[in-house]
Structures are given as C-alpha cells and as structure tokens.
Amino acid sequence: MKLTVIDALSLSDAWFQCLKTALFDGREYVIEQGSFEGMRRREIELVAINISKPGIRPLSPDVPTGVPLPTTDEVIEEYMTYLMTPHREENEEYTYGEFLSPQIEEVIRRYKLGHGTNQMCMCVGNKDSIYQNDPPCLRLVDTRIQDGALHFILYFRSWDLWGGFPTNLGGLQIFKEYMANEIGVEDGEIHAFSKGLHLYEHAWDLAKMVLRLSQE
C-alpha cells in the first residue's frame, strides 16, 4: 500500500489537499460490502494527515458559490456535543459518544497528575463491533501532551472525505480545545491516519467544482 502524507496548516487546507489527492491519485474500485454497496469510490488507500494549526477559524471549509456546503460551524458544534454525550437513539447501532464519554474525564484527571505518559488513548468500538452492519469508522482518539500543548492522534478505519471529514475533524478540534482548557494546557496539533479516505462517486463532481475543475 502506498502511504500518502498531507502536511496542512488548517482543517480547510487539509480537506482541499485531500480532495485533490483523491480525485487525481485515488484508487478507484467498486464497493462489494458496506455503505453504498455496488457504488464506485476513489480512495486514498493509506494516508497520514498532519495539521499544525487546526484551531484556525472558521473550522468549516469555504467552497465556491453554488456548491453545497459539506458542513457548517453550527453542524460542527452539534457534532462536538454528540462526541461527548452517551445518548443513543433507538435507530442507532452506536454513537461515538457512548464510547468516548466514559473516558474523557479520566484522561483529564490523569493528565492533571502529570503530562509524561503515553497511556491516554481513548478507544471507539468493542469486540462486538465487527458484527455490526456499519461498525464505527473512528476507532482511536489517542492523545499526547508535549511542549505544553494537547495533541490528538486519530485513526479512521474508513473515512468519507465529503460527508464525514470536515464535520469529524471540526468536532474533534472543539473536543480537543475543551480538554486542553480543562487540563490547563495549550491547544495543539491533529495527526489523523486512515487506510481508506474516500470520495463516493456521487461526490466526484462536487469535489471537482470545489477545485474549479471541468466536470468533463
């Protein structure tokens, strides 16, 4: 598998770079199992995204006039709440919050005892997740405090570049800011990894419009 490394300043910068990479260099294939079965997608098969200033506002990307917004700052704010609360609707197989919320205060408590540790990794999913029709995409929110700042290291097993990425990272950034404030450190970087950052074919033309490319 080819490793792609994206070095970005902001969340928007990271998104635009990933859109371009997926369109021009993504592996195209037909989905045989999972969401949108039978549809094609273009995928960055293994990616490391380093974002040095993820707190730059706005968190949502600015797209050309006429292109539907992939997210808004209001949606991102709501998503952050979803990440931090355990409530699950009857029609939901899982929520990220049901896994993360029990771990948040323990991570904060432990970091207040000392920053020199590698142990503060929050997991999403469990041994039963493999049997779900759509198991969690986000699987790890790992953390580190270094040089006086809290950094997030994220792993997505599968990641929708249009419908997920901007909202996911925006919400996780606000989540990180909250934790940093509670611990009493600065807000730091985001490093995100995935073995399947992809664009479904229904988003290809939208991505081209964002990049101001011909749809031919």
C-alpha atoms as a PDB file:
ATOM      1  CA  MET A   1       0.000   0.000   0.000  1.00  0.00           C
ATOM      2  CA  LYS A   2       1.183   3.492  -0.870  1.00  0.00           C
ATOM      3  CA  LEU A   3       1.489   5.943   2.028  1.00  0.00           C
ATOM      4  CA  THR A   4       0.369   9.498   1.251  1.00  0.00           C
ATOM      5  CA  VAL A   5       1.462  12.258   3.632  1.00  0.00           C
ATOM      6  CA  ILE A   6      -0.503  15.507   3.769  1.00  0.00           C
ATOM      7  CA  ASP A   7       1.052  18.439   5.635  1.00  0.00           C
ATOM      8  CA  ALA A   8      -1.513  21.177   6.207  1.00  0.00           C
ATOM      9  CA  LEU A   9      -1.911  24.377   8.175  1.00  0.00           C
ATOM     10  CA  SER A  10      -5.659  24.273   8.887  1.00  0.00           C
ATOM     11  CA  LEU A  11      -8.601  21.884   8.658  1.00  0.00           C
ATOM     12  CA  SER A  12      -9.717  23.542   5.420  1.00  0.00           C
ATOM     13  CA  ASP A  13      -6.223  23.271   3.932  1.00  0.00           C
ATOM     14  CA  ALA A  14      -6.134  19.568   4.793  1.00  0.00           C
ATOM     15  CA  TRP A  15      -9.557  18.981   3.205  1.00  0.00           C
ATOM     16  CA  PHE A  16      -8.686  20.740  -0.057  1.00  0.00           C
ATOM     17  CA  GLN A  17      -5.389  18.845  -0.353  1.00  0.00           C
ATOM     18  CA  CYS A  18      -7.142  15.525   0.296  1.00  0.00           C
ATOM     19  CA  LEU A  19      -9.868  16.273  -2.281  1.00  0.00           C
ATOM     20  CA  LYS A  20      -7.216  16.898  -4.933  1.00  0.00           C
ATOM     21  CA  THR A  21      -5.273  13.779  -4.000  1.00  0.00           C
ATOM     22  CA  ALA A  22      -8.364  11.543  -4.028  1.00  0.00           C
ATOM     23  CA  LEU A  23      -9.519  12.819  -7.427  1.00  0.00           C
ATOM     24  CA  PHE A  24      -6.167  12.639  -9.174  1.00  0.00           C
ATOM     25  CA  ASP A  25      -4.371   9.801  -7.410  1.00  0.00           C
ATOM     26  CA  GLY A  26      -7.099   7.840  -5.617  1.00  0.00           C
ATOM     27  CA  ARG A  27      -7.597   4.130  -6.160  1.00  0.00           C
ATOM     28  CA  GLU A  28     -10.957   3.583  -7.857  1.00  0.00           C
ATOM     29  CA  TYR A  29     -12.972   0.455  -7.105  1.00  0.00           C
ATOM     30  CA  VAL A  30     -16.489  -0.908  -6.639  1.00  0.00           C
ATOM     31  CA  ILE A  31     -17.700  -1.398  -3.065  1.00  0.00           C
ATOM     32  CA  GLU A  32     -18.582  -5.071  -2.505  1.00  0.00           C
ATOM     33  CA  GLN A  33     -19.583  -4.796   1.164  1.00  0.00           C
ATOM     34  CA  GLY A  34     -20.575  -1.927   3.428  1.00  0.00           C
ATOM     35  CA  SER A  35     -22.089   1.512   2.881  1.00  0.00           C
ATOM     36  CA  PHE A  36     -23.213   2.269  -0.695  1.00  0.00           C
ATOM     37  CA  GLU A  37     -22.618  -1.312  -1.850  1.00  0.00           C
ATOM     38  CA  GLY A  38     -22.233  -1.504  -5.627  1.00  0.00           C
ATOM     39  CA  MET A  39     -21.107   2.127  -5.939  1.00  0.00           C
ATOM     40  CA  ARG A  40     -17.651   3.251  -7.017  1.00  0.00           C
ATOM     41  CA  ARG A  41     -15.349   5.281  -4.852  1.00  0.00           C
ATOM     42  CA  ARG A  42     -11.920   6.871  -5.174  1.00  0.00           C
ATOM     43  CA  GLU A  43      -9.777   6.246  -2.158  1.00  0.00           C
ATOM     44  CA  ILE A  44      -6.503   7.424  -0.726  1.00  0.00           C
ATOM     45  CA  GLU A  45      -5.559   3.965   0.434  1.00  0.00           C
ATOM     46  CA  LEU A  46      -3.210   4.884   3.294  1.00  0.00           C
ATOM     47  CA  VAL A  47      -2.879   8.459   4.485  1.00  0.00           C
ATOM     48  CA  ALA A  48      -1.235  10.460   7.263  1.00  0.00           C
ATOM     49  CA  ILE A  49      -2.562  14.000   7.677  1.00  0.00           C
ATOM     50  CA  ASN A  50      -0.587  16.436   9.823  1.00  0.00           C
ATOM     51  CA  ILE A  51      -2.416  19.670  10.724  1.00  0.00           C
ATOM     52  CA  SER A  52      -0.281  22.188  12.565  1.00  0.00           C
ATOM     53  CA  LYS A  53      -2.946  24.850  13.376  1.00  0.00           C
ATOM     54  CA  PRO A  54      -6.300  23.011  13.417  1.00  0.00           C
ATOM     55  CA  GLY A  55      -7.926  25.700  15.569  1.00  0.00           C
ATOM     56  CA  ILE A  56      -7.936  28.328  12.784  1.00  0.00           C
ATOM     57  CA  ARG A  57     -11.488  29.620  12.243  1.00  0.00           C
ATOM     58  CA  PRO A  58     -13.743  29.037  10.512  1.00  0.00           C
ATOM     59  CA  LEU A  59     -13.462  25.304  11.062  1.00  0.00           C
ATOM     60  CA  SER A  60     -15.773  24.573   8.117  1.00  0.00           C
ATOM     61  CA  PRO A  61     -14.301  24.893   4.606  1.00  0.00           C
ATOM     62  CA  ASP A  62     -15.164  27.774   2.284  1.00  0.00           C
ATOM     63  CA  VAL A  63     -16.484  26.451  -1.034  1.00  0.00           C
ATOM     64  CA  PRO A  64     -17.333  28.268  -4.291  1.00  0.00           C
ATOM     65  CA  THR A  65     -20.792  29.797  -4.690  1.00  0.00           C
ATOM     66  CA  GLY A  66     -23.312  27.223  -5.853  1.00  0.00           C
ATOM     67  CA  VAL A  67     -21.530  24.242  -4.294  1.00  0.00           C
ATOM     68  CA  PRO A  68     -23.452  22.614  -1.406  1.00  0.00           C
ATOM     69  CA  LEU A  69     -21.614  23.067   1.881  1.00  0.00           C
ATOM     70  CA  PRO A  70     -20.141  19.811   3.220  1.00  0.00           C
ATOM     71  CA  THR A  71     -20.710  21.176   6.736  1.00  0.00           C
ATOM     72  CA  THR A  72     -21.139  24.397   8.717  1.00  0.00           C
ATOM     73  CA  ASP A  73     -19.726  25.638  12.005  1.00  0.00           C
ATOM     74  CA  GLU A  74     -23.192  25.145  13.529  1.00  0.00           C
ATOM     75  CA  VAL A  75     -23.246  21.480  12.474  1.00  0.00           C
ATOM     76  CA  ILE A  76     -19.718  21.080  13.820  1.00  0.00           C
ATOM     77  CA  GLU A  77     -20.780  22.488  17.203  1.00  0.00           C
ATOM     78  CA  GLU A  78     -23.667  19.987  17.375  1.00  0.00           C
ATOM     79  CA  TYR A  79     -21.325  17.162  16.381  1.00  0.00           C
ATOM     80  CA  MET A  80     -18.945  18.030  19.228  1.00  0.00           C
ATOM     81  CA  THR A  81     -21.841  17.514  21.662  1.00  0.00           C
ATOM     82  CA  TYR A  82     -22.534  14.141  20.034  1.00  0.00           C
ATOM     83  CA  LEU A  83     -18.897  13.144  20.666  1.00  0.00           C
ATOM     84  CA  MET A  84     -19.130  13.923  24.376  1.00  0.00           C
ATOM     85  CA  THR A  85     -22.532  12.524  25.374  1.00  0.00           C
ATOM     86  CA  PRO A  86     -23.556   8.850  25.713  1.00  0.00           C
ATOM     87  CA  HIS A  87     -27.140   9.208  24.436  1.00  0.00           C
ATOM     88  CA  ARG A  88     -28.103   6.875  21.589  1.00  0.00           C
ATOM     89  CA  GLU A  89     -31.347   6.949  19.600  1.00  0.00           C
ATOM     90  CA  GLU A  90     -33.321   3.719  19.124  1.00  0.00           C
ATOM     91  CA  ASN A  91     -32.397   3.534  15.430  1.00  0.00           C
ATOM     92  CA  GLU A  92     -28.643   3.940  16.085  1.00  0.00           C
ATOM     93  CA  GLU A  93     -26.340   0.933  16.326  1.00  0.00           C
ATOM     94  CA  TYR A  94     -23.787   3.016  18.227  1.00  0.00           C
ATOM     95  CA  THR A  95     -22.585   6.553  18.791  1.00  0.00           C
ATOM     96  CA  TYR A  96     -19.020   7.739  19.239  1.00  0.00           C
ATOM     97  CA  GLY A  97     -20.122   9.473  22.413  1.00  0.00           C
ATOM     98  CA  GLU A  98     -21.223   6.268  24.121  1.00  0.00           C
ATOM     99  CA  PHE A  99     -17.640   5.018  23.862  1.00  0.00           C
ATOM    100  CA  LEU A 100     -15.765   8.294  24.389  1.00  0.00           C
ATOM    101  CA  SER A 101     -17.800   9.969  27.125  1.00  0.00           C
ATOM    102  CA  PRO A 102     -16.842   7.482  29.896  1.00  0.00           C
ATOM    103  CA  GLN A 103     -13.154   8.011  29.109  1.00  0.00           C
ATOM    104  CA  ILE A 104     -12.923  11.804  28.815  1.00  0.00           C
ATOM    105  CA  GLU A 105     -12.862  12.765  32.477  1.00  0.00           C
ATOM    106  CA  GLU A 106     -10.369  10.010  33.293  1.00  0.00           C
ATOM    107  CA  VAL A 107      -7.964  11.304  30.652  1.00  0.00           C
ATOM    108  CA  ILE A 108      -8.317  14.832  32.028  1.00  0.00           C
ATOM    109  CA  ARG A 109      -7.814  13.587  35.603  1.00  0.00           C
ATOM    110  CA  ARG A 110      -4.718  11.597  34.715  1.00  0.00           C
ATOM    111  CA  TYR A 111      -3.089  14.432  32.793  1.00  0.00           C
ATOM    112  CA  LYS A 112      -3.604  16.734  35.777  1.00  0.00           C
ATOM    113  CA  LEU A 113      -1.378  14.304  37.700  1.00  0.00           C
ATOM    114  CA  GLY A 114       1.412  14.613  35.133  1.00  0.00           C
ATOM    115  CA  HIS A 115       1.969  15.015  31.413  1.00  0.00           C
ATOM    116  CA  GLY A 116       4.749  12.465  30.940  1.00  0.00           C
ATOM    117  CA  THR A 117       2.708   9.467  29.833  1.00  0.00           C
ATOM    118  CA  ASN A 118       1.772   7.560  26.662  1.00  0.00           C
ATOM    119  CA  GLN A 119      -1.250   5.832  28.189  1.00  0.00           C
ATOM    120  CA  MET A 120      -4.098   8.272  27.457  1.00  0.00           C
ATOM    121  CA  CYS A 121      -5.655   6.623  24.391  1.00  0.00           C
ATOM    122  CA  MET A 122      -9.461   6.605  24.023  1.00  0.00           C
ATOM    123  CA  CYS A 123     -10.973   3.714  22.056  1.00  0.00           C
ATOM    124  CA  VAL A 124     -14.155   3.599  19.979  1.00  0.00           C
ATOM    125  CA  GLY A 125     -15.908   0.275  19.458  1.00  0.00           C
ATOM    126  CA  ASN A 126     -15.540  -3.084  21.183  1.00  0.00           C
ATOM    127  CA  LYS A 127     -15.286  -6.796  20.418  1.00  0.00           C
ATOM    128  CA  ASP A 128     -18.882  -6.848  19.145  1.00  0.00           C
ATOM    129  CA  SER A 129     -18.405  -4.020  16.643  1.00  0.00           C
ATOM    130  CA  ILE A 130     -17.167  -6.395  13.932  1.00  0.00           C
ATOM    131  CA  TYR A 131     -20.662  -7.911  13.761  1.00  0.00           C
ATOM    132  CA  GLN A 132     -22.416  -4.600  13.059  1.00  0.00           C
ATOM    133  CA  ASN A 133     -23.638  -3.716   9.577  1.00  0.00           C
ATOM    134  CA  ASP A 134     -21.690  -0.456   9.766  1.00  0.00           C
ATOM    135  CA  PRO A 135     -19.050  -0.625  12.503  1.00  0.00           C
ATOM    136  CA  PRO A 136     -17.523   2.631  13.768  1.00  0.00           C
ATOM    137  CA  CYS A 137     -15.266   4.472  11.351  1.00  0.00           C
ATOM    138  CA  LEU A 138     -13.383   6.426  14.004  1.00  0.00           C
ATOM    139  CA  ARG A 139     -11.592   3.870  16.178  1.00  0.00           C
ATOM    140  CA  LEU A 140      -8.969   5.738  18.205  1.00  0.00           C
ATOM    141  CA  VAL A 141      -8.592   9.171  19.751  1.00  0.00           C
ATOM    142  CA  ASP A 142      -5.058   8.964  21.071  1.00  0.00           C
ATOM    143  CA  THR A 143      -3.568  11.907  22.929  1.00  0.00           C
ATOM    144  CA  ARG A 144      -0.245  13.389  23.926  1.00  0.00           C
ATOM    145  CA  ILE A 145       0.808  16.483  25.831  1.00  0.00           C
ATOM    146  CA  GLN A 146       4.107  17.758  24.507  1.00  0.00           C
ATOM    147  CA  ASP A 147       5.702  21.212  24.693  1.00  0.00           C
ATOM    148  CA  GLY A 148       2.788  22.411  26.801  1.00  0.00           C
ATOM    149  CA  ALA A 149       0.065  21.542  24.286  1.00  0.00           C
ATOM    150  CA  LEU A 150      -2.510  18.752  23.881  1.00  0.00           C
ATOM    151  CA  HIS A 151      -2.274  16.921  20.544  1.00  0.00           C
ATOM    152  CA  PHE A 152      -4.757  14.442  19.057  1.00  0.00           C
ATOM    153  CA  ILE A 153      -3.684  11.367  17.075  1.00  0.00           C
ATOM    154  CA  LEU A 154      -6.711   9.885  15.294  1.00  0.00           C
ATOM    155  CA  TYR A 155      -7.363   6.679  13.384  1.00  0.00           C
ATOM    156  CA  PHE A 156     -10.287   6.156  10.999  1.00  0.00           C
ATOM    157  CA  ARG A 157     -10.641   2.662   9.544  1.00  0.00           C
ATOM    158  CA  SER A 158     -12.794   4.187   6.767  1.00  0.00           C
ATOM    159  CA  TRP A 159     -13.459   7.877   6.168  1.00  0.00           C
ATOM    160  CA  ASP A 160     -15.891   9.715   3.886  1.00  0.00           C
ATOM    161  CA  LEU A 161     -13.943  12.707   2.588  1.00  0.00           C
ATOM    162  CA  TRP A 162     -17.042  14.707   1.635  1.00  0.00           C
ATOM    163  CA  GLY A 163     -19.728  13.638   4.102  1.00  0.00           C
ATOM    164  CA  GLY A 164     -17.525  12.977   7.135  1.00  0.00           C
ATOM    165  CA  PHE A 165     -14.080  14.592   7.150  1.00  0.00           C
ATOM    166  CA  PRO A 166     -14.989  18.300   7.629  1.00  0.00           C
ATOM    167  CA  THR A 167     -17.537  17.657  10.385  1.00  0.00           C
ATOM    168  CA  ASN A 168     -15.489  14.928  12.078  1.00  0.00           C
ATOM    169  CA  LEU A 169     -12.308  16.975  12.334  1.00  0.00           C
ATOM    170  CA  GLY A 170     -14.142  20.170  13.250  1.00  0.00           C
ATOM    171  CA  GLY A 171     -15.944  18.455  16.110  1.00  0.00           C
ATOM    172  CA  LEU A 172     -12.813  16.697  17.304  1.00  0.00           C
ATOM    173  CA  GLN A 173     -10.934  20.007  17.260  1.00  0.00           C
ATOM    174  CA  ILE A 174     -13.510  21.642  19.565  1.00  0.00           C
ATOM    175  CA  PHE A 175     -13.413  18.499  21.716  1.00  0.00           C
ATOM    176  CA  LYS A 176      -9.604  18.866  21.950  1.00  0.00           C
ATOM    177  CA  GLU A 177      -9.902  22.550  22.868  1.00  0.00           C
ATOM    178  CA  TYR A 178     -12.298  21.645  25.680  1.00  0.00           C
ATOM    179  CA  MET A 179      -9.928  19.004  27.064  1.00  0.00           C
ATOM    180  CA  ALA A 180      -6.899  21.286  26.787  1.00  0.00           C
ATOM    181  CA  ASN A 181      -8.717  24.001  28.716  1.00  0.00           C
ATOM    182  CA  GLU A 182      -9.771  21.556  31.446  1.00  0.00           C
ATOM    183  CA  ILE A 183      -6.230  20.220  31.795  1.00  0.00           C
ATOM    184  CA  GLY A 184      -4.694  23.691  31.711  1.00  0.00           C
ATOM    185  CA  VAL A 185      -2.512  23.378  28.598  1.00  0.00           C
ATOM    186  CA  GLU A 186      -2.474  24.922  25.123  1.00  0.00           C
ATOM    187  CA  ASP A 187      -4.376  23.527  22.152  1.00  0.00           C
ATOM    188  CA  GLY A 188      -2.106  21.528  19.864  1.00  0.00           C
ATOM    189  CA  GLU A 189      -1.904  19.675  16.566  1.00  0.00           C
ATOM    190  CA  ILE A 190      -4.025  16.999  14.921  1.00  0.00           C
ATOM    191  CA  HIS A 191      -2.450  13.969  13.259  1.00  0.00           C
ATOM    192  CA  ALA A 192      -5.032  11.798  11.501  1.00  0.00           C
ATOM    193  CA  PHE A 193      -4.499   8.416   9.850  1.00  0.00           C
ATOM    194  CA  SER A 194      -6.735   6.256   7.687  1.00  0.00           C
ATOM    195  CA  LYS A 195      -6.443   3.229   5.452  1.00  0.00           C
ATOM    196  CA  GLY A 196      -9.465   4.355   3.438  1.00  0.00           C
ATOM    197  CA  LEU A 197     -10.080   8.087   2.970  1.00  0.00           C
ATOM    198  CA  HIS A 198     -12.516   8.152   0.086  1.00  0.00           C
ATOM    199  CA  LEU A 199     -14.918  10.024  -2.172  1.00  0.00           C
ATOM    200  CA  TYR A 200     -18.100   8.223  -3.218  1.00  0.00           C
ATOM    201  CA  GLU A 201     -18.924   8.685  -6.901  1.00  0.00           C
ATOM    202  CA  HIS A 202     -21.929  10.907  -6.104  1.00  0.00           C
ATOM    203  CA  ALA A 203     -19.440  13.458  -4.684  1.00  0.00           C
ATOM    204  CA  TRP A 204     -16.916  13.424  -7.535  1.00  0.00           C
ATOM    205  CA  ASP A 205     -18.479  16.298  -9.458  1.00  0.00           C
ATOM    206  CA  LEU A 206     -18.903  18.302  -6.249  1.00  0.00           C
ATOM    207  CA  ALA A 207     -15.217  17.823  -5.477  1.00  0.00           C
ATOM    208  CA  LYS A 208     -14.315  18.977  -8.992  1.00  0.00           C
ATOM    209  CA  MET A 209     -16.438  22.095  -8.513  1.00  0.00           C
ATOM    210  CA  VAL A 210     -14.649  22.867  -5.248  1.00  0.00           C
ATOM    211  CA  LEU A 211     -11.326  22.533  -7.043  1.00  0.00           C
ATOM    212  CA  ARG A 212     -12.749  24.539 -10.008  1.00  0.00           C
ATOM    213  CA  LEU A 213     -12.086  21.728 -12.465  1.00  0.00           C
ATOM    214  CA  SER A 214     -14.069  20.828 -15.566  1.00  0.00           C
ATOM    215  CA  GLN A 215     -16.703  18.159 -14.997  1.00  0.00           C
ATOM    216  CA  GLU A 216     -15.966  16.584 -18.349  1.00  0.00           C
END
